[in-house]
């Protein structure tokens, strides 16, 4: 089980190589191929951890990878 999880993390890290370590909502939407509405819903439900800076949300690439691993 742990080996499978580590393999998944390695795959996702290579997928998101071109993205910075911290992204905003538009980048999250692009990374996950989801709508802006869905991105905000996932954040509001607490399924992806984020930091709010002023009015903007910032999401770490690590949290996006954790979200994807937990979905599989």
N, C-alpha and C. Protein backbone atom coordinates (compact mmCIF):
# COMPACT_ATOMS: atom_id res chain seq x y z
N UNK A 1 0.83 -1.20 0.00
CA UNK A 1 0.00 0.00 0.00
C UNK A 1 0.87 1.25 0.00
N UNK A 2 1.91 1.28 0.83
CA UNK A 2 2.79 2.44 0.90
C UNK A 2 3.56 2.60 -0.40
N UNK A 3 4.01 1.49 -1.00
CA UNK A 3 4.75 1.56 -2.26
C UNK A 3 3.87 2.15 -3.36
N UNK A 4 2.61 1.77 -3.38
CA UNK A 4 1.68 2.30 -4.37
C UNK A 4 1.49 3.80 -4.18
N UNK A 5 1.37 4.24 -2.94
CA UNK A 5 1.20 5.65 -2.64
C UNK A 5 2.43 6.46 -3.05
N UNK A 6 3.63 5.93 -2.75
CA UNK A 6 4.87 6.61 -3.13
C UNK A 6 5.00 6.71 -4.64
N UNK A 7 4.60 5.66 -5.35
CA UNK A 7 4.64 5.67 -6.81
C UNK A 7 3.70 6.75 -7.36
N UNK A 8 2.50 6.84 -6.77
CA UNK A 8 1.53 7.85 -7.19
C UNK A 8 2.08 9.25 -7.00
N UNK A 9 2.71 9.49 -5.85
CA UNK A 9 3.27 10.80 -5.57
C UNK A 9 4.35 11.15 -6.58
N UNK A 10 5.20 10.19 -6.92
CA UNK A 10 6.26 10.41 -7.91
C UNK A 10 5.66 10.77 -9.26
N UNK A 11 4.62 10.07 -9.65
CA UNK A 11 3.96 10.34 -10.94
C UNK A 11 3.38 11.74 -10.95
N UNK A 12 2.67 12.13 -9.89
CA UNK A 12 2.04 13.44 -9.85
C UNK A 12 3.08 14.56 -9.81
N UNK A 13 4.18 14.35 -9.10
CA UNK A 13 5.24 15.36 -9.07
C UNK A 13 5.80 15.60 -10.46
N UNK A 14 5.97 14.55 -11.23
CA UNK A 14 6.49 14.72 -12.58
C UNK A 14 5.46 15.38 -13.49
N UNK A 15 4.17 15.17 -13.21
CA UNK A 15 3.11 15.80 -14.00
C UNK A 15 3.09 17.31 -13.80
N UNK A 16 3.36 17.77 -12.61
CA UNK A 16 3.23 19.18 -12.27
C UNK A 16 4.57 19.90 -12.21
N UNK A 17 5.57 19.37 -12.89
CA UNK A 17 6.91 19.95 -12.85
C UNK A 17 6.95 21.40 -13.31
N UNK A 18 6.12 21.75 -14.28
CA UNK A 18 6.15 23.10 -14.85
C UNK A 18 5.42 24.14 -14.00
N UNK A 19 4.79 23.70 -12.91
CA UNK A 19 4.05 24.62 -12.05
C UNK A 19 4.90 25.00 -10.83
N UNK A 20 4.69 26.21 -10.30
CA UNK A 20 5.42 26.61 -9.09
C UNK A 20 4.93 25.80 -7.88
N UNK A 21 5.64 25.91 -6.78
CA UNK A 21 5.28 25.16 -5.57
C UNK A 21 3.97 25.64 -4.94
N UNK A 22 3.61 26.89 -5.19
CA UNK A 22 2.36 27.45 -4.68
C UNK A 22 1.60 28.05 -5.86
N UNK A 23 0.34 27.66 -6.00
CA UNK A 23 -0.45 28.11 -7.15
C UNK A 23 -1.72 28.83 -6.69
N UNK A 24 -2.34 29.51 -7.63
CA UNK A 24 -3.61 30.18 -7.37
C UNK A 24 -4.75 29.37 -7.97
N UNK A 25 -5.96 29.87 -7.88
CA UNK A 25 -7.15 29.15 -8.36
C UNK A 25 -7.08 28.85 -9.86
N UNK A 26 -6.73 29.81 -10.72
CA UNK A 26 -6.66 29.48 -12.15
C UNK A 26 -5.66 28.35 -12.46
N UNK A 27 -4.53 28.35 -11.78
CA UNK A 27 -3.55 27.27 -12.00
C UNK A 27 -4.09 25.94 -11.48
N UNK A 28 -4.77 25.96 -10.33
CA UNK A 28 -5.39 24.75 -9.79
C UNK A 28 -6.38 24.17 -10.80
N UNK A 29 -7.19 25.03 -11.38
CA UNK A 29 -8.17 24.60 -12.38
C UNK A 29 -7.48 23.95 -13.57
N UNK A 30 -6.40 24.55 -14.00
CA UNK A 30 -5.64 24.01 -15.13
C UNK A 30 -5.00 22.67 -14.77
N UNK A 31 -4.44 22.58 -13.58
CA UNK A 31 -3.76 21.35 -13.16
C UNK A 31 -4.73 20.18 -13.07
N UNK A 32 -5.92 20.43 -12.55
CA UNK A 32 -6.89 19.36 -12.33
C UNK A 32 -7.93 19.27 -13.44
N UNK A 33 -7.87 20.20 -14.38
CA UNK A 33 -8.83 20.26 -15.48
C UNK A 33 -10.27 20.32 -14.94
N UNK A 34 -10.48 21.29 -14.03
CA UNK A 34 -11.78 21.50 -13.42
C UNK A 34 -12.19 22.96 -13.60
N UNK A 35 -13.46 23.22 -13.37
CA UNK A 35 -13.96 24.60 -13.47
C UNK A 35 -13.61 25.38 -12.21
N UNK A 36 -13.71 26.69 -12.32
CA UNK A 36 -13.46 27.56 -11.18
C UNK A 36 -14.45 27.26 -10.05
N UNK A 37 -15.70 27.03 -10.44
CA UNK A 37 -16.74 26.69 -9.45
C UNK A 37 -16.37 25.42 -8.68
N UNK A 38 -15.92 24.40 -9.38
CA UNK A 38 -15.52 23.14 -8.74
C UNK A 38 -14.32 23.35 -7.83
N UNK A 39 -13.37 24.16 -8.26
CA UNK A 39 -12.18 24.44 -7.44
C UNK A 39 -12.59 25.08 -6.11
N UNK A 40 -13.45 26.08 -6.17
CA UNK A 40 -13.91 26.72 -4.93
C UNK A 40 -14.71 25.76 -4.06
N UNK A 41 -15.49 24.89 -4.67
CA UNK A 41 -16.27 23.92 -3.90
C UNK A 41 -15.35 22.95 -3.17
N UNK A 42 -14.30 22.45 -3.86
CA UNK A 42 -13.35 21.54 -3.23
C UNK A 42 -12.64 22.22 -2.06
N UNK A 43 -12.30 23.47 -2.24
CA UNK A 43 -11.64 24.23 -1.15
C UNK A 43 -12.61 24.45 0.00
N UNK A 44 -13.83 24.88 -0.30
CA UNK A 44 -14.83 25.13 0.75
C UNK A 44 -15.15 23.87 1.55
N UNK A 45 -15.12 22.71 0.88
CA UNK A 45 -15.40 21.44 1.56
C UNK A 45 -14.20 20.96 2.37
N UNK A 46 -13.05 21.62 2.22
CA UNK A 46 -11.85 21.25 2.96
C UNK A 46 -11.12 20.04 2.37
N UNK A 47 -11.43 19.70 1.13
CA UNK A 47 -10.79 18.54 0.50
C UNK A 47 -9.38 18.86 0.02
N UNK A 48 -9.09 20.14 -0.19
CA UNK A 48 -7.73 20.61 -0.50
C UNK A 48 -7.42 21.72 0.50
N UNK A 49 -6.29 21.60 1.16
CA UNK A 49 -5.87 22.65 2.09
C UNK A 49 -5.36 23.84 1.30
N UNK A 50 -5.60 25.02 1.85
CA UNK A 50 -5.13 26.23 1.18
C UNK A 50 -4.87 27.32 2.21
N UNK A 51 -4.26 28.38 1.73
CA UNK A 51 -4.00 29.54 2.56
C UNK A 51 -4.67 30.71 1.85
N UNK A 52 -5.36 31.53 2.61
CA UNK A 52 -5.99 32.71 2.02
C UNK A 52 -5.12 33.92 2.34
N UNK A 53 -4.68 34.59 1.29
CA UNK A 53 -3.86 35.79 1.41
C UNK A 53 -4.69 36.94 0.88
N UNK A 54 -5.20 37.76 1.79
CA UNK A 54 -6.12 38.81 1.36
C UNK A 54 -7.38 38.16 0.82
N UNK A 55 -7.68 38.43 -0.45
CA UNK A 55 -8.86 37.82 -1.08
C UNK A 55 -8.49 36.62 -1.94
N UNK A 56 -7.21 36.32 -2.05
CA UNK A 56 -6.74 35.27 -2.94
C UNK A 56 -6.40 33.99 -2.18
N UNK A 57 -6.70 32.88 -2.80
CA UNK A 57 -6.33 31.58 -2.25
C UNK A 57 -5.00 31.14 -2.84
N UNK A 58 -4.18 30.51 -2.01
CA UNK A 58 -2.91 29.93 -2.46
C UNK A 58 -2.90 28.48 -2.03
N UNK A 59 -2.58 27.61 -2.96
CA UNK A 59 -2.61 26.18 -2.73
C UNK A 59 -1.23 25.62 -3.05
N UNK A 60 -0.69 24.82 -2.13
CA UNK A 60 0.62 24.23 -2.40
C UNK A 60 0.47 23.03 -3.33
N UNK A 61 1.50 22.81 -4.12
CA UNK A 61 1.51 21.67 -5.03
C UNK A 61 1.42 20.36 -4.24
N UNK A 62 2.03 20.34 -3.07
CA UNK A 62 1.99 19.14 -2.21
C UNK A 62 0.54 18.82 -1.82
N UNK A 63 -0.23 19.84 -1.48
CA UNK A 63 -1.64 19.61 -1.11
C UNK A 63 -2.46 19.12 -2.29
N UNK A 64 -2.15 19.58 -3.48
CA UNK A 64 -2.85 19.11 -4.68
C UNK A 64 -2.52 17.65 -4.93
N UNK A 65 -1.26 17.29 -4.75
CA UNK A 65 -0.85 15.89 -4.93
C UNK A 65 -1.52 15.01 -3.89
N UNK A 66 -1.58 15.46 -2.63
CA UNK A 66 -2.26 14.70 -1.58
C UNK A 66 -3.73 14.50 -1.94
N UNK A 67 -4.38 15.53 -2.44
CA UNK A 67 -5.77 15.43 -2.86
C UNK A 67 -5.94 14.35 -3.93
N UNK A 68 -5.07 14.36 -4.92
CA UNK A 68 -5.15 13.38 -5.99
C UNK A 68 -4.90 11.95 -5.51
N UNK A 69 -3.93 11.80 -4.64
CA UNK A 69 -3.62 10.47 -4.10
C UNK A 69 -4.80 9.95 -3.29
N UNK A 70 -5.44 10.81 -2.52
CA UNK A 70 -6.59 10.40 -1.72
C UNK A 70 -7.81 10.08 -2.57
N UNK A 71 -7.89 10.61 -3.77
CA UNK A 71 -9.01 10.35 -4.66
C UNK A 71 -8.92 8.97 -5.31
N UNK A 72 -7.71 8.43 -5.39
CA UNK A 72 -7.56 7.13 -6.07
C UNK A 72 -7.68 5.97 -5.13
